[in-house]
Amino acid sequence: MTAVGLTLCHLVIALIVAVVAYAVREVRRRRMAVRPRRPDLTMDEAWGLATAPGAFSPDAGLIRPPMPDEVRAEAERVTREAEQFSLGADNPRLAIRQAILGNATLALQLAAIAEHDEAARQALVQGYEPGMDDLLRLAAASREWAWFTLRVYARWKFDDAVADDWFHNYVRVARPYIREKVRLAKEHVMRMDSSAGRFAEIYDALLAQLQANMAKARPKERFVRPDLPWN
């Protein structure tokens, strides 16, 4: 091949590379663009979307518990309080994120406590009495439905809910953290193990930092699934 031919070949390759790079950037730009479809959405409408049969949700892979009337009543109360607070907040999207994180954390904590026996539950939950396990599970379910519906609200109103985003990353990391924290707290309370108490405090600090980091994450940013030693 002549020198001219080689030069043209190099130019063509460079052009192809430039076009591909531009296409990749454009796809990423469009994927990351925030375009709320229903900025006027109300929480009542979000509940309709959350409970519609066959409705798509990026959170479908996460557990959705049954919803008896008492679960829905409590979940609706929590979500409406979050909506009212966000409407008066300087940053409504962030306020809803914080409500999602708070409810998810409480749901995970209650679910982790429910995995232990009655003696441990009495030690870990103030006012808990033997036979209240159904109430404990209903409380966890109401908080799960609260965060689920708030995620629907965030997705339509703020375009702030996609698969593998800040919330999925939080749940994947926080669930094993919370299970271990609850185990350590049980050891601390029931066996007076001071070292377990100190480690439980460390997990509390880790969870607080994780919440703060996820509250700051960009909308629609994807996170790699964490490689954690426990499930």
Protein backbone atom coordinates (compact mmCIF):
# COMPACT_ATOMS: atom_id res chain seq x y z
CA MET A 1 0.00 0.00 0.00
CA THR A 2 1.27 3.45 -0.90
CA ALA A 3 1.93 6.19 1.65
CA VAL A 4 -1.19 8.01 0.44
CA GLY A 5 -3.24 4.86 0.88
CA LEU A 6 -1.91 4.34 4.41
CA THR A 7 -2.71 7.94 5.28
CA LEU A 8 -6.29 7.58 4.03
CA CYS A 9 -6.66 4.31 5.93
CA HIS A 10 -5.50 6.00 9.15
CA LEU A 11 -7.90 8.87 8.56
CA VAL A 12 -10.81 6.50 8.04
CA ILE A 13 -9.95 4.59 11.24
CA ALA A 14 -9.66 7.84 13.18
CA LEU A 15 -13.02 8.97 11.82
CA ILE A 16 -14.67 5.68 12.79
CA VAL A 17 -13.22 5.93 16.31
CA ALA A 18 -14.45 9.51 16.63
CA VAL A 19 -17.95 8.56 15.44
CA VAL A 20 -18.15 5.63 17.86
CA ALA A 21 -16.92 7.78 20.76
CA TYR A 22 -19.52 10.43 19.92
CA ALA A 23 -22.27 7.82 19.72
CA VAL A 24 -21.29 6.39 23.11
CA ARG A 25 -21.27 9.85 24.69
CA GLU A 26 -24.63 10.67 23.12
CA VAL A 27 -26.23 7.46 24.38
CA ARG A 28 -24.88 8.13 27.87
CA ARG A 29 -26.04 11.75 27.76
CA ARG A 30 -29.56 10.73 26.78
CA ARG A 31 -29.64 7.96 29.37
CA MET A 32 -28.53 10.33 32.15
CA ALA A 33 -30.82 13.17 31.09
CA VAL A 34 -33.51 13.84 33.70
CA ARG A 35 -36.94 14.16 32.08
CA PRO A 36 -39.79 13.87 34.60
CA ARG A 37 -42.91 12.55 32.88
CA ARG A 38 -45.35 13.70 35.57
CA PRO A 39 -43.93 16.65 37.52
CA ASP A 40 -47.47 17.33 38.79
CA LEU A 41 -47.98 13.79 40.15
CA THR A 42 -49.76 13.47 43.50
CA MET A 43 -49.23 10.75 46.09
CA ASP A 44 -52.75 9.45 45.50
CA GLU A 45 -51.87 8.96 41.84
CA ALA A 46 -48.57 7.32 42.82
CA TRP A 47 -50.51 4.77 44.89
CA GLY A 48 -52.64 3.99 41.86
CA LEU A 49 -49.51 3.40 39.78
CA ALA A 50 -47.82 1.37 42.53
CA THR A 51 -50.73 -1.04 42.91
CA ALA A 52 -51.79 -1.33 39.26
CA PRO A 53 -51.65 -4.99 38.09
CA GLY A 54 -48.67 -5.65 35.83
CA ALA A 55 -47.26 -2.13 36.18
CA PHE A 56 -43.55 -1.82 35.39
CA SER A 57 -41.22 -0.93 38.24
CA PRO A 58 -37.41 -0.87 38.35
CA ASP A 59 -37.81 -2.26 41.89
CA ALA A 60 -39.70 -5.38 40.80
CA GLY A 61 -36.70 -7.53 41.73
CA LEU A 62 -36.92 -6.38 45.35
CA ILE A 63 -39.36 -7.99 47.76
CA ARG A 64 -42.94 -6.74 47.69
CA PRO A 65 -44.90 -8.19 50.64
CA PRO A 66 -48.67 -8.77 50.83
CA MET A 67 -50.70 -5.67 51.67
CA PRO A 68 -53.61 -6.24 54.06
CA ASP A 69 -55.71 -3.20 54.96
CA GLU A 70 -53.71 -2.31 58.09
CA VAL A 71 -50.45 -2.34 56.12
CA ARG A 72 -51.84 -0.05 53.44
CA ALA A 73 -53.32 2.37 55.96
CA GLU A 74 -49.98 2.84 57.72
CA ALA A 75 -48.02 3.00 54.45
CA GLU A 76 -50.40 5.62 53.06
CA ARG A 77 -50.04 7.72 56.21
CA VAL A 78 -46.24 7.61 55.96
CA THR A 79 -46.14 8.46 52.25
CA ARG A 80 -48.58 11.35 52.57
CA GLU A 81 -46.51 12.81 55.39
CA ALA A 82 -43.43 12.53 53.16
CA GLU A 83 -45.27 14.23 50.30
CA GLN A 84 -46.38 17.14 52.49
CA PHE A 85 -42.90 17.61 53.88
CA SER A 86 -41.32 17.53 50.40
CA LEU A 87 -43.74 20.12 49.02
CA GLY A 88 -42.43 22.61 51.58
CA ALA A 89 -38.78 21.63 51.26
CA ASP A 90 -36.12 23.61 49.39
CA ASN A 91 -35.22 20.43 47.48
CA PRO A 92 -38.34 18.23 47.12
CA ARG A 93 -36.48 15.46 45.26
CA LEU A 94 -33.91 15.16 48.04
CA ALA A 95 -36.65 15.18 50.68
CA ILE A 96 -38.34 12.23 48.95
CA ARG A 97 -34.99 10.43 48.66
CA GLN A 98 -34.42 10.82 52.37
CA ALA A 99 -37.92 9.47 53.09
CA ILE A 100 -37.21 6.48 50.84
CA LEU A 101 -33.92 5.78 52.59
CA GLY A 102 -35.44 6.18 56.03
CA ASN A 103 -38.33 3.82 55.35
CA ALA A 104 -36.09 1.27 53.65
CA THR A 105 -33.74 1.32 56.63
CA LEU A 106 -36.56 0.77 59.10
CA ALA A 107 -38.04 -2.03 56.96
CA LEU A 108 -34.67 -3.78 56.79
CA GLN A 109 -34.14 -3.41 60.54
CA LEU A 110 -37.58 -4.82 61.38
CA ALA A 111 -37.10 -7.70 58.94
CA ALA A 112 -33.70 -8.47 60.47
CA ILE A 113 -35.13 -8.45 64.00
CA ALA A 114 -37.97 -10.74 62.87
CA GLU A 115 -35.36 -13.37 61.93
CA HIS A 116 -34.44 -13.80 65.62
CA ASP A 117 -36.32 -15.57 68.41
CA GLU A 118 -38.82 -14.05 70.83
CA ALA A 119 -36.23 -13.41 73.54
CA ALA A 120 -34.05 -11.43 71.15
CA ARG A 121 -37.02 -9.46 69.85
CA GLN A 122 -38.01 -8.49 73.38
CA ALA A 123 -34.47 -7.32 74.04
CA LEU A 124 -34.20 -5.34 70.81
CA VAL A 125 -37.68 -3.79 70.45
CA GLN A 126 -39.04 -1.61 73.24
CA GLY A 127 -42.54 -2.76 74.23
CA TYR A 128 -42.36 -6.04 72.36
CA GLU A 129 -44.22 -8.92 74.02
CA PRO A 130 -44.28 -12.64 73.12
CA GLY A 131 -46.79 -13.31 70.35
CA MET A 132 -46.33 -9.93 68.65
CA ASP A 133 -44.36 -11.41 65.74
CA ASP A 134 -47.25 -10.80 63.31
CA LEU A 135 -47.33 -7.13 64.29
CA LEU A 136 -43.57 -6.93 63.74
CA ARG A 137 -43.90 -8.35 60.23
CA LEU A 138 -46.84 -6.07 59.43
CA ALA A 139 -44.77 -3.08 60.52
CA ALA A 140 -41.93 -4.16 58.22
CA ALA A 141 -44.40 -4.68 55.36
CA SER A 142 -45.92 -1.22 55.80
CA ARG A 143 -42.49 0.40 55.56
CA GLU A 144 -41.63 -1.69 52.50
CA TRP A 145 -44.82 -0.53 50.79
CA ALA A 146 -44.03 3.04 51.86
CA TRP A 147 -40.60 3.05 50.19
CA PHE A 148 -41.97 1.20 47.16
CA THR A 149 -44.69 3.80 46.59
CA LEU A 150 -42.31 6.68 47.27
CA ARG A 151 -40.02 5.22 44.59
CA VAL A 152 -42.94 5.22 42.14
CA TYR A 153 -43.59 8.84 43.10
CA ALA A 154 -39.91 9.73 42.61
CA ARG A 155 -39.75 7.94 39.25
CA TRP A 156 -42.69 9.78 37.70
CA LYS A 157 -42.32 13.16 39.41
CA PHE A 158 -38.52 13.56 39.43
CA ASP A 159 -37.24 10.85 37.03
CA ASP A 160 -35.20 9.58 39.96
CA ALA A 161 -35.69 5.81 39.98
CA VAL A 162 -34.02 3.31 37.64
CA ALA A 163 -32.59 -0.18 38.02
CA ASP A 164 -29.18 -0.43 39.73
CA ASP A 165 -29.34 3.17 40.89
CA TRP A 166 -28.58 4.77 44.27
CA PHE A 167 -31.48 3.02 45.99
CA HIS A 168 -30.68 -0.46 44.74
CA ASN A 169 -27.08 0.07 45.77
CA TYR A 170 -28.20 1.17 49.23
CA VAL A 171 -30.44 -1.86 49.78
CA ARG A 172 -27.80 -4.31 48.54
CA VAL A 173 -25.16 -2.89 50.86
CA ALA A 174 -27.40 -2.00 53.81
CA ARG A 175 -29.25 -5.32 54.11
CA PRO A 176 -26.21 -7.40 55.19
CA TYR A 177 -24.89 -4.48 57.25
CA ILE A 178 -28.18 -4.26 59.16
CA ARG A 179 -28.40 -8.00 59.70
CA GLU A 180 -24.94 -7.98 61.22
CA LYS A 181 -25.68 -4.88 63.28
CA VAL A 182 -28.82 -6.51 64.71
CA ARG A 183 -26.87 -9.66 65.54
CA LEU A 184 -24.21 -7.64 67.32
CA ALA A 185 -26.82 -5.59 69.16
CA LYS A 186 -28.43 -8.80 70.38
CA GLU A 187 -25.08 -10.04 71.66
CA HIS A 188 -24.49 -6.73 73.39
CA VAL A 189 -27.91 -6.56 75.08
CA MET A 190 -28.43 -10.22 75.96
CA ARG A 191 -24.87 -11.24 76.84
CA MET A 192 -23.48 -7.89 77.97
CA ASP A 193 -20.82 -8.15 75.28
CA SER A 194 -19.25 -4.69 75.18
CA SER A 195 -17.13 -5.44 72.11
CA ALA A 196 -20.27 -6.43 70.16
CA GLY A 197 -21.81 -3.11 71.18
CA ARG A 198 -18.82 -1.19 69.82
CA PHE A 199 -18.97 -3.08 66.52
CA ALA A 200 -22.71 -2.40 66.28
CA GLU A 201 -21.93 1.32 66.61
CA ILE A 202 -19.44 1.00 63.77
CA TYR A 203 -22.16 -0.45 61.54
CA ASP A 204 -24.45 2.42 62.52
CA ALA A 205 -21.78 4.87 61.37
CA LEU A 206 -21.26 2.94 58.12
CA LEU A 207 -25.01 3.00 57.42
CA ALA A 208 -25.21 6.74 58.14
CA GLN A 209 -22.36 7.40 55.71
CA LEU A 210 -23.92 5.14 53.09
CA GLN A 211 -27.21 7.03 53.38
CA ALA A 212 -25.43 10.36 53.03
CA ASN A 213 -23.54 9.16 49.94
CA MET A 214 -26.66 7.78 48.27
CA ALA A 215 -28.60 10.96 48.98
CA LYS A 216 -25.93 12.83 46.98
CA ALA A 217 -25.76 10.39 44.04
CA ARG A 218 -26.78 11.70 40.63
CA PRO A 219 -30.22 10.69 39.35
CA LYS A 220 -30.03 7.62 37.07
CA GLU A 221 -26.40 6.90 37.98
CA ARG A 222 -25.80 3.13 37.85
CA PHE A 223 -23.83 1.25 40.52
CA VAL A 224 -22.01 -2.06 40.20
CA ARG A 225 -23.50 -4.78 42.39
CA PRO A 226 -21.42 -4.99 45.58
CA ASP A 227 -19.37 -8.11 46.26
CA LEU A 228 -20.24 -8.69 49.92
CA PRO A 229 -19.48 -11.77 52.03
CA TRP A 230 -23.07 -12.15 53.28
CA ASN A 231 -26.54 -12.10 51.71
